Structure formats: C-alpha cells, structure tokens
C-alpha cells in the first residue's frame, strides 16, 4: 500500500514538474521580446526627462520672453558659476539644461528670420 502511494506521488510530482518546465520554457522564449520593449520604454523615459520646456527654462534663468541672447548668457554664466562654487550639482545641471533649451529656441528664431 505504501509503495502504491509513493508511486502516485512520484508520478504526480513529475507531471507538475513537467508542466512547470514547459511554462518556464514558453516564458523564456518571449523574454527577449519583452526586454526589447522595456529597453525602448526606459530610453524614452530617460530622453523625456532631459528635455526642459521653454517656460521652465526662462523661469530657471530668470529671464523674460523678450530678453536678448546676451542677457540670457550673462544670467547663465552668473548662476552656473555661483552653483559651481558653493551650490549643488543638481542646480548647476538645471541651469545648463535651461540654457540648452533656450539656445535651441533662439536658433530656431534666427533661422526663421533668415529664411523669410
């Protein structure tokens, strides 16, 4: 009687293990596809986090919409140097990203006036 119970446990256990192995194999086959999607989503999130909007950039540097590029550069140099000496790297990075954002805006404006 004990031999029959032991045989049943072995057969049932091996059936459960076989199903688990098949399921793990199926997941392993779909894993590379999921990893590619996750990698793309991660890259998109990182790319989006680096982009600063123009109003935020103007607020960080403390300049108005009608400010000249020279005024923006003066504010940038002042804030960047202040944060380099006694400020934080985070604030210094924000100031640099703000300058980059406004630089692209002013370049687009310059290209638009030369084409017209």
PDB file of N, CA and C in Angstrom:
ATOM      1  N   UNK A   1       0.822  -1.192   0.000  1.00  0.00           N
ATOM      2  CA  UNK A   1       0.000   0.000   0.000  1.00  0.00           C
ATOM      3  C   UNK A   1       0.869   1.260   0.000  1.00  0.00           C
ATOM      4  N   UNK A   2       1.903   1.286   0.797  1.00  0.00           N
ATOM      5  CA  UNK A   2       2.787   2.443   0.867  1.00  0.00           C
ATOM      6  C   UNK A   2       3.528   2.634  -0.462  1.00  0.00           C
ATOM      7  N   UNK A   3       3.855   1.521  -1.122  1.00  0.00           N
ATOM      8  CA  UNK A   3       4.554   1.605  -2.399  1.00  0.00           C
ATOM      9  C   UNK A   3       3.677   2.258  -3.458  1.00  0.00           C
ATOM     10  N   UNK A   4       2.376   1.926  -3.423  1.00  0.00           N
ATOM     11  CA  UNK A   4       1.428   2.499  -4.387  1.00  0.00           C
ATOM     12  C   UNK A   4       1.297   4.012  -4.161  1.00  0.00           C
ATOM     13  N   UNK A   5       1.187   4.465  -2.919  1.00  0.00           N
ATOM     14  CA  UNK A   5       1.091   5.896  -2.603  1.00  0.00           C
ATOM     15  C   UNK A   5       2.364   6.617  -3.030  1.00  0.00           C
ATOM     16  N   UNK A   6       3.503   6.001  -2.749  1.00  0.00           N
ATOM     17  CA  UNK A   6       4.780   6.607  -3.147  1.00  0.00           C
ATOM     18  C   UNK A   6       4.888   6.706  -4.667  1.00  0.00           C
ATOM     19  N   UNK A   7       4.437   5.683  -5.383  1.00  0.00           N
ATOM     20  CA  UNK A   7       4.468   5.707  -6.847  1.00  0.00           C
ATOM     21  C   UNK A   7       3.548   6.799  -7.383  1.00  0.00           C
ATOM     22  N   UNK A   8       2.365   6.964  -6.794  1.00  0.00           N
ATOM     23  CA  UNK A   8       1.424   8.003  -7.217  1.00  0.00           C
ATOM     24  C   UNK A   8       2.026   9.398  -6.982  1.00  0.00           C
ATOM     25  N   UNK A   9       2.675   9.587  -5.842  1.00  0.00           N
ATOM     26  CA  UNK A   9       3.314  10.878  -5.548  1.00  0.00           C
ATOM     27  C   UNK A   9       4.419  11.191  -6.548  1.00  0.00           C
ATOM     28  N   UNK A  10       5.180  10.209  -6.902  1.00  0.00           N
ATOM     29  CA  UNK A  10       6.270  10.420  -7.875  1.00  0.00           C
ATOM     30  C   UNK A  10       5.697  10.770  -9.243  1.00  0.00           C
ATOM     31  N   UNK A  11       4.664  10.067  -9.670  1.00  0.00           N
ATOM     32  CA  UNK A  11       4.047  10.331 -10.976  1.00  0.00           C
ATOM     33  C   UNK A  11       3.408  11.716 -10.993  1.00  0.00           C
ATOM     34  N   UNK A  12       2.667  12.059  -9.942  1.00  0.00           N
ATOM     35  CA  UNK A  12       2.021  13.376  -9.888  1.00  0.00           C
ATOM     36  C   UNK A  12       3.070  14.492  -9.801  1.00  0.00           C
ATOM     37  N   UNK A  13       4.086  14.275  -9.014  1.00  0.00           N
ATOM     38  CA  UNK A  13       5.147  15.278  -8.875  1.00  0.00           C
ATOM     39  C   UNK A  13       5.884  15.508 -10.177  1.00  0.00           C
ATOM     40  N   UNK A  14       6.152  14.419 -10.906  1.00  0.00           N
ATOM     41  CA  UNK A  14       6.847  14.579 -12.190  1.00  0.00           C
ATOM     42  C   UNK A  14       5.951  15.280 -13.203  1.00  0.00           C
ATOM     43  N   UNK A  15       4.640  15.061 -13.153  1.00  0.00           N
ATOM     44  CA  UNK A  15       3.704  15.755 -14.044  1.00  0.00           C
ATOM     45  C   UNK A  15       3.689  17.250 -13.765  1.00  0.00           C
ATOM     46  N   UNK A  16       3.671  17.600 -12.482  1.00  0.00           N
ATOM     47  CA  UNK A  16       3.688  19.014 -12.098  1.00  0.00           C
ATOM     48  C   UNK A  16       4.995  19.660 -12.544  1.00  0.00           C
ATOM     49  N   UNK A  17       6.103  18.963 -12.338  1.00  0.00           N
ATOM     50  CA  UNK A  17       7.414  19.497 -12.743  1.00  0.00           C
ATOM     51  C   UNK A  17       7.492  19.669 -14.264  1.00  0.00           C
ATOM     52  N   UNK A  18       6.933  18.733 -15.018  1.00  0.00           N
ATOM     53  CA  UNK A  18       6.958  18.825 -16.479  1.00  0.00           C
ATOM     54  C   UNK A  18       6.164  20.037 -16.944  1.00  0.00           C
ATOM     55  N   UNK A  19       4.976  20.268 -16.359  1.00  0.00           N
ATOM     56  CA  UNK A  19       4.188  21.443 -16.731  1.00  0.00           C
ATOM     57  C   UNK A  19       4.917  22.741 -16.380  1.00  0.00           C
ATOM     58  N   UNK A  20       5.551  22.764 -15.235  1.00  0.00           N
ATOM     59  CA  UNK A  20       6.297  23.965 -14.825  1.00  0.00           C
ATOM     60  C   UNK A  20       7.462  24.227 -15.775  1.00  0.00           C
ATOM     61  N   UNK A  21       8.148  23.186 -16.194  1.00  0.00           N
ATOM     62  CA  UNK A  21       9.256  23.357 -17.136  1.00  0.00           C
ATOM     63  C   UNK A  21       8.774  23.873 -18.488  1.00  0.00           C
ATOM     64  N   UNK A  22       7.646  23.365 -18.968  1.00  0.00           N
ATOM     65  CA  UNK A  22       7.087  23.833 -20.243  1.00  0.00           C
ATOM     66  C   UNK A  22       6.697  25.310 -20.129  1.00  0.00           C
ATOM     67  N   UNK A  23       6.072  25.671 -19.031  1.00  0.00           N
ATOM     68  CA  UNK A  23       5.678  27.070 -18.837  1.00  0.00           C
ATOM     69  C   UNK A  23       6.906  27.977 -18.744  1.00  0.00           C
ATOM     70  N   UNK A  24       7.940  27.551 -18.053  1.00  0.00           N
ATOM     71  CA  UNK A  24       9.171  28.342 -17.950  1.00  0.00           C
ATOM     72  C   UNK A  24       9.831  28.492 -19.315  1.00  0.00           C
ATOM     73  N   UNK A  25       9.793  27.428 -20.124  1.00  0.00           N
ATOM     74  CA  UNK A  25      10.368  27.495 -21.465  1.00  0.00           C
ATOM     75  C   UNK A  25       9.608  28.490 -22.340  1.00  0.00           C
ATOM     76  N   UNK A  26       8.296  28.496 -22.250  1.00  0.00           N
ATOM     77  CA  UNK A  26       7.496  29.460 -23.021  1.00  0.00           C
ATOM     78  C   UNK A  26       7.815  30.897 -22.605  1.00  0.00           C
ATOM     79  N   UNK A  27       7.953  31.131 -21.311  1.00  0.00           N
ATOM     80  CA  UNK A  27       8.306  32.463 -20.835  1.00  0.00           C
ATOM     81  C   UNK A  27       9.702  32.865 -21.303  1.00  0.00           C
ATOM     82  N   UNK A  28      10.609  31.911 -21.338  1.00  0.00           N
ATOM     83  CA  UNK A  28      11.965  32.209 -21.788  1.00  0.00           C
ATOM     84  C   UNK A  28      11.978  32.593 -23.263  1.00  0.00           C
ATOM     85  N   UNK A  29      11.081  32.006 -24.050  1.00  0.00           N
ATOM     86  CA  UNK A  29      11.012  32.353 -25.466  1.00  0.00           C
ATOM     87  C   UNK A  29      10.488  33.768 -25.681  1.00  0.00           C
ATOM     88  N   UNK A  30       9.561  34.224 -24.848  1.00  0.00           N
ATOM     89  CA  UNK A  30       9.000  35.570 -25.011  1.00  0.00           C
ATOM     90  C   UNK A  30       9.822  36.633 -24.297  1.00  0.00           C
ATOM     91  N   UNK A  31      10.772  36.246 -23.460  1.00  0.00           N
ATOM     92  CA  UNK A  31      11.549  37.198 -22.673  1.00  0.00           C
ATOM     93  C   UNK A  31      12.331  38.196 -23.532  1.00  0.00           C
ATOM     94  N   UNK A  32      13.043  37.785 -24.584  1.00  0.00           N
ATOM     95  CA  UNK A  32      13.786  38.782 -25.372  1.00  0.00           C
ATOM     96  C   UNK A  32      12.891  39.867 -25.968  1.00  0.00           C
ATOM     97  N   UNK A  33      11.696  39.512 -26.391  1.00  0.00           N
ATOM     98  CA  UNK A  33      10.776  40.499 -26.930  1.00  0.00           C
ATOM     99  C   UNK A  33      10.381  41.497 -25.852  1.00  0.00           C
ATOM    100  N   UNK A  34      10.107  41.004 -24.661  1.00  0.00           N
ATOM    101  CA  UNK A  34       9.743  41.892 -23.561  1.00  0.00           C
ATOM    102  C   UNK A  34      10.906  42.789 -23.166  1.00  0.00           C
ATOM    103  N   UNK A  35      12.111  42.253 -23.191  1.00  0.00           N
ATOM    104  CA  UNK A  35      13.270  43.055 -22.829  1.00  0.00           C
ATOM    105  C   UNK A  35      13.504  44.185 -23.826  1.00  0.00           C
ATOM    106  N   UNK A  36      13.273  43.922 -25.091  1.00  0.00           N
ATOM    107  CA  UNK A  36      13.429  44.963 -26.108  1.00  0.00           C
ATOM    108  C   UNK A  36      12.422  46.085 -25.858  1.00  0.00           C
ATOM    109  N   UNK A  37      11.178  45.729 -25.565  1.00  0.00           N
ATOM    110  CA  UNK A  37      10.152  46.736 -25.284  1.00  0.00           C
ATOM    111  C   UNK A  37      10.497  47.536 -24.027  1.00  0.00           C
ATOM    112  N   UNK A  38      10.947  46.850 -22.990  1.00  0.00           N
ATOM    113  CA  UNK A  38      11.320  47.544 -21.759  1.00  0.00           C
ATOM    114  C   UNK A  38      12.495  48.484 -21.983  1.00  0.00           C
ATOM    115  N   UNK A  39      13.453  48.067 -22.781  1.00  0.00           N
ATOM    116  CA  UNK A  39      14.615  48.903 -23.066  1.00  0.00           C
ATOM    117  C   UNK A  39      14.196  50.167 -23.814  1.00  0.00           C
ATOM    118  N   UNK A  40      13.296  50.029 -24.784  1.00  0.00           N
ATOM    119  CA  UNK A  40      12.813  51.189 -25.532  1.00  0.00           C
ATOM    120  C   UNK A  40      12.055  52.147 -24.620  1.00  0.00           C
ATOM    121  N   UNK A  41      11.220  51.602 -23.737  1.00  0.00           N
ATOM    122  CA  UNK A  41      10.476  52.452 -22.812  1.00  0.00           C
ATOM    123  C   UNK A  41      11.419  53.184 -21.866  1.00  0.00           C
ATOM    124  N   UNK A  42      12.442  52.506 -21.387  1.00  0.00           N
ATOM    125  CA  UNK A  42      13.421  53.119 -20.494  1.00  0.00           C
ATOM    126  C   UNK A  42      14.161  54.254 -21.207  1.00  0.00           C
ATOM    127  N   UNK A  43      14.560  54.027 -22.453  1.00  0.00           N
ATOM    128  CA  UNK A  43      15.257  55.065 -23.212  1.00  0.00           C
ATOM    129  C   UNK A  43      14.353  56.267 -23.447  1.00  0.00           C
ATOM    130  N   UNK A  44      13.084  56.026 -23.744  1.00  0.00           N
ATOM    131  CA  UNK A  44      12.145  57.130 -23.944  1.00  0.00           C
ATOM    132  C   UNK A  44      11.957  57.929 -22.666  1.00  0.00           C
ATOM    133  N   UNK A  45      11.887  57.255 -21.530  1.00  0.00           N
ATOM    134  CA  UNK A  45      11.751  57.965 -20.262  1.00  0.00           C
ATOM    135  C   UNK A  45      12.988  58.789 -19.960  1.00  0.00           C
ATOM    136  N   UNK A  46      14.163  58.246 -20.210  1.00  0.00           N
ATOM    137  CA  UNK A  46      15.399  58.987 -19.950  1.00  0.00           C
ATOM    138  C   UNK A  46      15.498  60.195 -20.873  1.00  0.00           C
ATOM    139  N   UNK A  47      15.113  60.009 -22.139  1.00  0.00           N
ATOM    140  CA  UNK A  47      15.175  61.101 -23.103  1.00  0.00           C
ATOM    141  C   UNK A  47      14.197  62.212 -22.711  1.00  0.00           C
ATOM    142  N   UNK A  48      13.005  61.831 -22.294  1.00  0.00           N
ATOM    143  CA  UNK A  48      11.987  62.809 -21.922  1.00  0.00           C
ATOM    144  C   UNK A  48      12.363  63.560 -20.654  1.00  0.00           C
ATOM    145  N   UNK A  49      13.083  62.914 -19.760  1.00  0.00           N
ATOM    146  CA  UNK A  49      13.438  63.583 -18.510  1.00  0.00           C
ATOM    147  C   UNK A  49      14.502  64.655 -18.723  1.00  0.00           C
ATOM    148  N   UNK A  50      15.238  64.590 -19.811  1.00  0.00           N
ATOM    149  CA  UNK A  50      16.291  65.572 -20.073  1.00  0.00           C
ATOM    150  C   UNK A  50      15.768  66.818 -20.779  1.00  0.00           C
ATOM    151  N   UNK A  51      14.583  66.746 -21.355  1.00  0.00           N
ATOM    152  CA  UNK A  51      14.042  67.858 -22.112  1.00  0.00           C
ATOM    153  C   UNK A  51      13.338  68.818 -21.161  1.00  0.00           C
ATOM    154  N   UNK A  52      13.650  70.101 -21.307  1.00  0.00           N
ATOM    155  CA  UNK A  52      13.039  71.120 -20.460  1.00  0.00           C
ATOM    156  C   UNK A  52      12.163  72.006 -21.335  1.00  0.00           C
ATOM    157  N   UNK A  53      11.031  72.392 -20.822  1.00  0.00           N
ATOM    158  CA  UNK A  53      10.120  73.266 -21.556  1.00  0.00           C
ATOM    159  C   UNK A  53      10.636  74.704 -21.502  1.00  0.00           C
ATOM    160  N   UNK A  54      10.278  75.493 -22.507  1.00  0.00           N
ATOM    161  CA  UNK A  54      10.753  76.880 -22.587  1.00  0.00           C
ATOM    162  C   UNK A  54      10.332  77.728 -21.389  1.00  0.00           C
ATOM    163  N   UNK A  55       9.068  77.665 -20.934  1.00  0.00           N
ATOM    164  CA  UNK A  55       8.699  78.478 -19.758  1.00  0.00           C
ATOM    165  C   UNK A  55       9.509  78.117 -18.512  1.00  0.00           C
ATOM    166  N   UNK A  56       9.753  76.830 -18.321  1.00  0.00           N
ATOM    167  CA  UNK A  56      10.553  76.404 -17.172  1.00  0.00           C
ATOM    168  C   UNK A  56      11.990  76.905 -17.307  1.00  0.00           C
ATOM    169  N   UNK A  57      12.531  76.850 -18.522  1.00  0.00           N
ATOM    170  CA  UNK A  57      13.892  77.320 -18.744  1.00  0.00           C
ATOM    171  C   UNK A  57      14.000  78.820 -18.451  1.00  0.00           C
ATOM    172  N   UNK A  58      13.014  79.577 -18.891  1.00  0.00           N
ATOM    173  CA  UNK A  58      13.022  81.025 -18.618  1.00  0.00           C
ATOM    174  C   UNK A  58      12.897  81.300 -17.120  1.00  0.00           C
ATOM    175  N   UNK A  59      12.114  80.486 -16.442  1.00  0.00           N
ATOM    176  CA  UNK A  59      11.947  80.669 -15.004  1.00  0.00           C
ATOM    177  C   UNK A  59      13.239  80.318 -14.258  1.00  0.00           C
ATOM    178  N   UNK A  60      13.911  79.270 -14.672  1.00  0.00           N
ATOM    179  CA  UNK A  60      15.164  78.873 -14.016  1.00  0.00           C
ATOM    180  C   UNK A  60      16.211  79.967 -14.147  1.00  0.00           C
ATOM    181  N   UNK A  61      16.324  80.529 -15.344  1.00  0.00           N
ATOM    182  CA  UNK A  61      17.329  81.571 -15.568  1.00  0.00           C
ATOM    183  C   UNK A  61      16.840  82.951 -15.143  1.00  0.00           C
ATOM    184  N   UNK A  62      15.548  83.106 -14.954  1.00  0.00           N
ATOM    185  CA  UNK A  62      15.007  84.395 -14.536  1.00  0.00           C
ATOM    186  C   UNK A  62      15.025  85.430 -15.634  1.00  0.00           C
ATOM    187  N   UNK A  63      14.651  85.025 -16.845  1.00  0.00           N
ATOM    188  CA  UNK A  63      14.618  85.945 -17.985  1.00  0.00           C
ATOM    189  C   UNK A  63      13.208  85.992 -18.558  1.00  0.00           C
ATOM    190  N   UNK A  64      12.895  87.100 -19.214  1.00  0.00           N
ATOM    191  CA  UNK A  64      11.581  87.271 -19.833  1.00  0.00           C
ATOM    192  C   UNK A  64      11.623  86.781 -21.282  1.00  0.00           C
ATOM    193  N   UNK A  65      10.451  86.743 -21.905  1.00  0.00           N
ATOM    194  CA  UNK A  65      10.377  86.270 -23.295  1.00  0.00           C
ATOM    195  C   UNK A  65      11.081  87.202 -24.269  1.00  0.00           C
ATOM    196  N   UNK A  66      11.129  88.486 -23.948  1.00  0.00           N
ATOM    197  CA  UNK A  66      11.757  89.441 -24.866  1.00  0.00           C
ATOM    198  C   UNK A  66      13.230  89.702 -24.524  1.00  0.00           C
ATOM    199  N   UNK A  67      13.831  88.856 -23.703  1.00  0.00           N
ATOM    200  CA  UNK A  67      15.239  89.030 -23.329  1.00  0.00           C
ATOM    201  C   UNK A  67      16.141  88.705 -24.511  1.00  0.00           C
ATOM    202  N   UNK A  68      17.266  89.408 -24.568  1.00  0.00           N
ATOM    203  CA  UNK A  68      18.231  89.142 -25.636  1.00  0.00           C
ATOM    204  C   UNK A  68      19.078  87.928 -25.265  1.00  0.00           C
ATOM    205  N   UNK A  69      19.733  87.379 -26.275  1.00  0.00           N
ATOM    206  CA  UNK A  69      20.578  86.209 -26.051  1.00  0.00           C
ATOM    207  C   UNK A  69      21.763  86.556 -25.139  1.00  0.00           C
ATOM    208  N   UNK A  70      22.279  87.769 -25.253  1.00  0.00           N
ATOM    209  CA  UNK A  70      23.393  88.195 -24.412  1.00  0.00           C
ATOM    210  C   UNK A  70      22.980  88.238 -22.937  1.00  0.00           C
ATOM    211  N   UNK A  71      21.754  88.705 -22.681  1.00  0.00           N
ATOM    212  CA  UNK A  71      21.256  88.743 -21.313  1.00  0.00           C
ATOM    213  C   UNK A  71      21.102  87.328 -20.749  1.00  0.00           C
ATOM    214  N   UNK A  72      20.634  86.423 -21.580  1.00  0.00           N
ATOM    215  CA  UNK A  72      20.490  85.033 -21.157  1.00  0.00           C
ATOM    216  C   UNK A  72      21.851  84.438 -20.831  1.00  0.00           C
ATOM    217  N   UNK A  73      22.847  84.709 -21.663  1.00  0.00           N
ATOM    218  CA  UNK A  73      24.188  84.194 -21.403  1.00  0.00           C
ATOM    219  C   UNK A  73      24.783  84.765 -20.121  1.00  0.00           C
ATOM    220  N   UNK A  74      24.531  86.046 -19.856  1.00  0.00           N
ATOM    221  CA  UNK A  74      25.022  86.652 -18.617  1.00  0.00           C
ATOM    222  C   UNK A  74      24.389  85.981 -17.401  1.00  0.00           C
ATOM    223  N   UNK A  75      23.070  85.783 -17.440  1.00  0.00           N
ATOM    224  CA  UNK A  75      22.379  85.121 -16.337  1.00  0.00           C
ATOM    225  C   UNK A  75      22.900  83.695 -16.163  1.00  0.00           C
ATOM    226  N   UNK A  76      23.084  83.002 -17.289  1.00  0.00           N
ATOM    227  CA  UNK A  76      23.595  81.630 -17.251  1.00  0.00           C
ATOM    228  C   UNK A  76      24.973  81.590 -16.602  1.00  0.00           C
ATOM    229  N   UNK A  77      25.887  82.437 -17.070  1.00  0.00           N
ATOM    230  CA  UNK A  77      27.241  82.450 -16.518  1.00  0.00           C
ATOM    231  C   UNK A  77      27.227  82.738 -15.021  1.00  0.00           C
ATOM    232  N   UNK A  78      26.425  83.699 -14.621  1.00  0.00           N
ATOM    233  CA  UNK A  78      26.338  84.072 -13.213  1.00  0.00           C
ATOM    234  C   UNK A  78      25.828  82.903 -12.363  1.00  0.00           C
ATOM    235  N   UNK A  79      24.700  82.312 -12.773  1.00  0.00           N
ATOM    236  CA  UNK A  79      24.114  81.214 -11.995  1.00  0.00           C
ATOM    237  C   UNK A  79      24.997  79.962 -12.022  1.00  0.00           C
ATOM    238  N   UNK A  80      25.606  79.686 -13.161  1.00  0.00           N
ATOM    239  CA  UNK A  80      26.439  78.497 -13.283  1.00  0.00           C
ATOM    240  C   UNK A  80      27.662  78.608 -12.380  1.00  0.00           C
ATOM    241  N   UNK A  81      28.306  79.771 -12.392  1.00  0.00           N
ATOM    242  CA  UNK A  81      29.491  79.969 -11.551  1.00  0.00           C
ATOM    243  C   UNK A  81      29.138  79.947 -10.070  1.00  0.00           C
ATOM    244  N   UNK A  82      28.020  80.553  -9.702  1.00  0.00           N
ATOM    245  CA  UNK A  82      27.604  80.541  -8.296  1.00  0.00           C
ATOM    246  C   UNK A  82      27.380  79.116  -7.790  1.00  0.00           C
ATOM    247  N   UNK A  83      26.735  78.306  -8.608  1.00  0.00           N
ATOM    248  CA  UNK A  83      26.475  76.923  -8.201  1.00  0.00           C
ATOM    249  C   UNK A  83      27.715  76.051  -8.309  1.00  0.00           C
ATOM    250  N   UNK A  84      28.671  76.435  -9.127  1.00  0.00           N
ATOM    251  CA  UNK A  84      29.912  75.670  -9.213  1.00  0.00           C
ATOM    252  C   UNK A  84      30.733  75.846  -7.935  1.00  0.00           C
ATOM    253  N   UNK A  85      30.697  77.044  -7.367  1.00  0.00           N
ATOM    254  CA  UNK A  85      31.499  77.330  -6.173  1.00  0.00           C
ATOM    255  C   UNK A  85      30.850  76.783  -4.904  1.00  0.00           C
ATOM    256  N   UNK A  86      29.603  77.150  -4.660  1.00  0.00           N
ATOM    257  CA  UNK A  86      29.007  76.791  -3.380  1.00  0.00           C
ATOM    258  C   UNK A  86      27.620  76.170  -3.496  1.00  0.00           C
ATOM    259  N   UNK A  87      27.179  75.872  -4.688  1.00  0.00           N
ATOM    260  CA  UNK A  87      25.831  75.332  -4.867  1.00  0.00           C
ATOM    261  C   UNK A  87      25.849  73.832  -5.060  1.00  0.00           C
ATOM    262  N   UNK A  88      24.771  73.348  -5.630  1.00  0.00           N
ATOM    263  CA  UNK A  88      24.665  71.907  -5.845  1.00  0.00           C
ATOM    264  C   UNK A  88      24.816  71.575  -7.324  1.00  0.00           C
ATOM    265  N   UNK A  89      25.232  70.356  -7.569  1.00  0.00           N
ATOM    266  CA  UNK A  89      25.371  69.891  -8.948  1.00  0.00           C
ATOM    267  C   UNK A  89      24.004  69.843  -9.631  1.00  0.00           C
ATOM    268  N   UNK A  90      22.950  69.528  -8.882  1.00  0.00           N
ATOM    269  CA  UNK A  90      21.603  69.470  -9.441  1.00  0.00           C
ATOM    270  C   UNK A  90      21.178  70.830  -9.987  1.00  0.00           C
ATOM    271  N   UNK A  91      21.385  71.879  -9.200  1.00  0.00           N
ATOM    272  CA  UNK A  91      21.008  73.219  -9.658  1.00  0.00           C
ATOM    273  C   UNK A  91      21.861  73.648 -10.846  1.00  0.00           C
ATOM    274  N   UNK A  92      23.121  73.303 -10.798  1.00  0.00           N
ATOM    275  CA  UNK A  92      24.013  73.626 -11.909  1.00  0.00           C
ATOM    276  C   UNK A  92      23.537  72.919 -13.180  1.00  0.00           C
ATOM    277  N   UNK A  93      23.095  71.692 -13.038  1.00  0.00           N
ATOM    278  CA  UNK A  93      22.579  70.939 -14.171  1.00  0.00           C
ATOM    279  C   UNK A  93      21.294  71.566 -14.711  1.00  0.00           C
ATOM    280  N   UNK A  94      20.403  72.005 -13.819  1.00  0.00           N
ATOM    281  CA  UNK A  94      19.163  72.662 -14.246  1.00  0.00           C
ATOM    282  C   UNK A  94      19.468  73.932 -15.031  1.00  0.00           C
ATOM    283  N   UNK A  95      20.430  74.702 -14.549  1.00  0.00           N
ATOM    284  CA  UNK A  95      20.810  75.945 -15.238  1.00  0.00           C
ATOM    285  C   UNK A  95      21.350  75.620 -16.625  1.00  0.00           C
ATOM    286  N   UNK A  96      22.166  74.598 -16.720  1.00  0.00           N
ATOM    287  CA  UNK A  96      22.735  74.217 -18.023  1.00  0.00           C
ATOM    288  C   UNK A  96      21.643  73.735 -18.977  1.00  0.00           C
ATOM    289  N   UNK A  97      20.713  72.912 -18.479  1.00  0.00           N
ATOM    290  CA  UNK A  97      19.601  72.436 -19.328  1.00  0.00           C
ATOM    291  C   UNK A  97      18.720  73.609 -19.784  1.00  0.00           C
ATOM    292  N   UNK A  98      18.528  74.587 -18.918  1.00  0.00           N
ATOM    293  CA  UNK A  98      17.730  75.755 -19.290  1.00  0.00           C
ATOM    294  C   UNK A  98      18.401  76.518 -20.418  1.00  0.00           C
ATOM    295  N   UNK A  99      19.713  76.687 -20.329  1.00  0.00           N
ATOM    296  CA  UNK A  99      20.452  77.379 -21.391  1.00  0.00           C
ATOM    297  C   UNK A  99      20.359  76.597 -22.697  1.00  0.00           C
ATOM    298  N   UNK A 100      20.503  75.276 -22.636  1.00  0.00           N
ATOM    299  CA  UNK A 100      20.403  74.453 -23.841  1.00  0.00           C
ATOM    300  C   UNK A 100      19.029  74.616 -24.494  1.00  0.00           C
ATOM    301  N   UNK A 101      17.985  74.603 -23.683  1.00  0.00           N
ATOM    302  CA  UNK A 101      16.620  74.737 -24.197  1.00  0.00           C
ATOM    303  C   UNK A 101      16.441  76.074 -24.895  1.00  0.00           C
ATOM    304  N   UNK A 102      16.850  77.142 -24.230  1.00  0.00           N
ATOM    305  CA  UNK A 102      16.677  78.469 -24.819  1.00  0.00           C
ATOM    306  C   UNK A 102      17.586  78.664 -26.032  1.00  0.00           C
ATOM    307  N   UNK A 103      18.705  77.987 -26.029  1.00  0.00           N
ATOM    308  CA  UNK A 103      19.608  78.080 -27.177  1.00  0.00           C
ATOM    309  C   UNK A 103      18.932  77.521 -28.427  1.00  0.00           C
ATOM    310  N   UNK A 104      18.254  76.394 -28.291  1.00  0.00           N
ATOM    311  CA  UNK A 104      17.555  75.835 -29.453  1.00  0.00           C
ATOM    312  C   UNK A 104      16.405  76.741 -29.888  1.00  0.00           C
ATOM    313  N   UNK A 105      15.718  77.362 -28.930  1.00  0.00           N
ATOM    314  CA  UNK A 105      14.618  78.272 -29.261  1.00  0.00           C
ATOM    315  C   UNK A 105      15.149  79.472 -30.039  1.00  0.00           C
ATOM    316  N   UNK A 106      16.245  80.060 -29.564  1.00  0.00           N
ATOM    317  CA  UNK A 106      16.802  81.233 -30.236  1.00  0.00           C
ATOM    318  C   UNK A 106      17.413  80.879 -31.594  1.00  0.00           C
ATOM    319  N   UNK A 107      17.966  79.669 -31.724  1.00  0.00           N
ATOM    320  CA  UNK A 107      18.480  79.244 -33.029  1.00  0.00           C
ATOM    321  C   UNK A 107      17.342  79.086 -34.029  1.00  0.00           C
ATOM    322  N   UNK A 108      16.232  78.532 -33.585  1.00  0.00           N
ATOM    323  CA  UNK A 108      15.071  78.390 -34.478  1.00  0.00           C
ATOM    324  C   UNK A 108      14.538  79.749 -34.888  1.00  0.00           C
ATOM    325  N   UNK A 109      14.525  80.701 -33.960  1.00  0.00           N
ATOM    326  CA  UNK A 109      14.071  82.057 -34.290  1.00  0.00           C
ATOM    327  C   UNK A 109      15.000  82.702 -35.305  1.00  0.00           C
ATOM    328  N   UNK A 110      16.301  82.502 -35.121  1.00  0.00           N
ATOM    329  CA  UNK A 110      17.277  83.078 -36.045  1.00  0.00           C
ATOM    330  C   UNK A 110      17.153  82.469 -37.431  1.00  0.00           C
ATOM    331  N   UNK A 111      16.952  81.172 -37.497  1.00  0.00           N
ATOM    332  CA  UNK A 111      16.778  80.510 -38.792  1.00  0.00           C
ATOM    333  C   UNK A 111      15.482  80.965 -39.475  1.00  0.00           C
ATOM    334  N   UNK A 112      14.465  81.196 -38.693  1.00  0.00           N
ATOM    335  CA  UNK A 112      13.175  81.638 -39.243  1.00  0.00           C
ATOM    336  C   UNK A 112      13.255  83.031 -39.829  1.00  0.00           C
ATOM    337  N   UNK A 113      14.055  83.922 -39.213  1.00  0.00           N
ATOM    338  CA  UNK A 113      14.175  85.290 -39.728  1.00  0.00           C
ATOM    339  C   UNK A 113      15.079  85.355 -40.951  1.00  0.00           C
ATOM    340  N   UNK A 114      16.060  84.439 -41.056  1.00  0.00           N
ATOM    341  CA  UNK A 114      16.950  84.483 -42.214  1.00  0.00           C
ATOM    342  C   UNK A 114      16.273  83.880 -43.446  1.00  0.00           C
ATOM    343  N   UNK A 115      15.322  82.946 -43.234  1.00  0.00           N
ATOM    344  CA  UNK A 115      14.648  82.334 -44.369  1.00  0.00           C
ATOM    345  C   UNK A 115      13.583  83.238 -44.963  1.00  0.00           C
ATOM    346  N   UNK A 116      12.984  84.098 -44.191  1.00  0.00           N
ATOM    347  CA  UNK A 116      11.889  84.947 -44.672  1.00  0.00           C
ATOM    348  C   UNK A 116      12.372  86.096 -45.491  1.00  0.00           C
TER     349      UNK A 116
END
